[in-house]
Amino acid sequence: MKSLAVVLLNYNGIELLKKFLPKVLKYSLEAEVVVIDNNSTDKSVAWLKQNHPTIKCIELENNLGYAG
């Protein structure tokens, strides 16, 4: 288990994940990367699971916003 985590909150951000996730992974080698999805409807979770299956994805049943 790594002692550092990078946690990304996602809501319908498939294009942002495609653009920025590779850089997050490249520069966060010492960290566990986790994506928390706020009930997206843009297939970003499916994309994440298909393209980055080793990244932990927590799927929320409701959109709780950034402070939820």
C-alpha atoms as a PDB file:
ATOM      1  CA  MET A   1       0.000   0.000   0.000  1.00  0.00           C
ATOM      2  CA  LYS A   2       1.331   3.396  -0.967  1.00  0.00           C
ATOM      3  CA  SER A   3       1.483   6.141   1.660  1.00  0.00           C
ATOM      4  CA  LEU A   4       0.299   8.874  -0.714  1.00  0.00           C
ATOM      5  CA  ALA A   5      -2.881   9.136  -2.763  1.00  0.00           C
ATOM      6  CA  VAL A   6      -3.985  11.431  -5.564  1.00  0.00           C
ATOM      7  CA  VAL A   7      -7.780  11.567  -5.586  1.00  0.00           C
ATOM      8  CA  LEU A   8      -9.607  12.968  -8.604  1.00  0.00           C
ATOM      9  CA  LEU A   9     -13.280  13.879  -8.442  1.00  0.00           C
ATOM     10  CA  ASN A  10     -15.076  13.314 -11.726  1.00  0.00           C
ATOM     11  CA  TYR A  11     -18.488  14.282 -13.052  1.00  0.00           C
ATOM     12  CA  ASN A  12     -18.987  13.887 -16.803  1.00  0.00           C
ATOM     13  CA  GLY A  13     -15.327  14.673 -17.339  1.00  0.00           C
ATOM     14  CA  ILE A  14     -14.325  12.038 -19.858  1.00  0.00           C
ATOM     15  CA  GLU A  15     -12.510  14.572 -22.054  1.00  0.00           C
ATOM     16  CA  LEU A  16     -10.615  15.953 -19.053  1.00  0.00           C
ATOM     17  CA  LEU A  17      -9.680  12.431 -17.940  1.00  0.00           C
ATOM     18  CA  LYS A  18      -8.401  11.647 -21.435  1.00  0.00           C
ATOM     19  CA  LYS A  19      -6.354  14.831 -21.473  1.00  0.00           C
ATOM     20  CA  PHE A  20      -4.935  14.984 -17.950  1.00  0.00           C
ATOM     21  CA  LEU A  21      -4.954  11.479 -16.446  1.00  0.00           C
ATOM     22  CA  PRO A  22      -1.859  10.317 -18.368  1.00  0.00           C
ATOM     23  CA  LYS A  23       0.104  13.251 -16.917  1.00  0.00           C
ATOM     24  CA  VAL A  24      -1.214  12.598 -13.410  1.00  0.00           C
ATOM     25  CA  LEU A  25      -0.051   8.999 -13.705  1.00  0.00           C
ATOM     26  CA  LYS A  26       3.314   9.995 -15.162  1.00  0.00           C
ATOM     27  CA  TYR A  27       4.112  12.434 -12.361  1.00  0.00           C
ATOM     28  CA  SER A  28       2.531  10.506  -9.483  1.00  0.00           C
ATOM     29  CA  LEU A  29       4.551   7.307  -9.537  1.00  0.00           C
ATOM     30  CA  GLU A  30       4.813   7.208  -5.739  1.00  0.00           C
ATOM     31  CA  ALA A  31       1.070   7.675  -5.243  1.00  0.00           C
ATOM     32  CA  GLU A  32      -2.053   5.594  -5.565  1.00  0.00           C
ATOM     33  CA  VAL A  33      -4.392   7.314  -8.017  1.00  0.00           C
ATOM     34  CA  VAL A  34      -8.112   7.098  -7.214  1.00  0.00           C
ATOM     35  CA  VAL A  35     -11.018   8.491  -9.223  1.00  0.00           C
ATOM     36  CA  ILE A  36     -14.278   9.223  -7.434  1.00  0.00           C
ATOM     37  CA  ASP A  37     -17.123   9.449  -9.907  1.00  0.00           C
ATOM     38  CA  ASN A  38     -20.198  11.549  -9.051  1.00  0.00           C
ATOM     39  CA  ASN A  39     -22.707   9.446 -11.032  1.00  0.00           C
ATOM     40  CA  SER A  40     -21.471  10.517 -14.482  1.00  0.00           C
ATOM     41  CA  THR A  41     -23.619   9.903 -17.549  1.00  0.00           C
ATOM     42  CA  ASP A  42     -20.913  10.415 -20.195  1.00  0.00           C
ATOM     43  CA  LYS A  43     -19.386   6.905 -20.040  1.00  0.00           C
ATOM     44  CA  SER A  44     -16.279   8.210 -18.299  1.00  0.00           C
ATOM     45  CA  VAL A  45     -16.328   5.284 -15.845  1.00  0.00           C
ATOM     46  CA  ALA A  46     -16.463   2.755 -18.686  1.00  0.00           C
ATOM     47  CA  TRP A  47     -13.617   4.586 -20.431  1.00  0.00           C
ATOM     48  CA  LEU A  48     -11.576   4.616 -17.234  1.00  0.00           C
ATOM     49  CA  LYS A  49     -12.098   0.894 -16.613  1.00  0.00           C
ATOM     50  CA  GLN A  50     -11.235   0.024 -20.205  1.00  0.00           C
ATOM     51  CA  ASN A  51      -8.168   2.247 -20.549  1.00  0.00           C
ATOM     52  CA  HIS A  52      -6.813   2.284 -16.982  1.00  0.00           C
ATOM     53  CA  PRO A  53      -8.062  -0.890 -15.278  1.00  0.00           C
ATOM     54  CA  THR A  54      -5.538  -0.656 -12.439  1.00  0.00           C
ATOM     55  CA  ILE A  55      -6.841   2.711 -11.215  1.00  0.00           C
ATOM     56  CA  LYS A  56      -9.277   2.426  -8.338  1.00  0.00           C
ATOM     57  CA  CYS A  57     -12.635   3.960  -9.231  1.00  0.00           C
ATOM     58  CA  ILE A  58     -15.239   4.708  -6.575  1.00  0.00           C
ATOM     59  CA  GLU A  59     -18.658   5.092  -8.186  1.00  0.00           C
ATOM     60  CA  LEU A  60     -21.156   7.169  -6.210  1.00  0.00           C
ATOM     61  CA  GLU A  61     -24.874   6.568  -6.717  1.00  0.00           C
ATOM     62  CA  ASN A  62     -25.670  10.314  -6.623  1.00  0.00           C
ATOM     63  CA  ASN A  63     -23.890  13.482  -7.632  1.00  0.00           C
ATOM     64  CA  LEU A  64     -22.806  14.819  -4.249  1.00  0.00           C
ATOM     65  CA  GLY A  65     -20.805  17.720  -5.625  1.00  0.00           C
ATOM     66  CA  TYR A  66     -17.237  18.498  -4.616  1.00  0.00           C
ATOM     67  CA  ALA A  67     -18.031  18.825  -0.908  1.00  0.00           C
ATOM     68  CA  GLY A  68     -20.290  15.785  -0.592  1.00  0.00           C
END
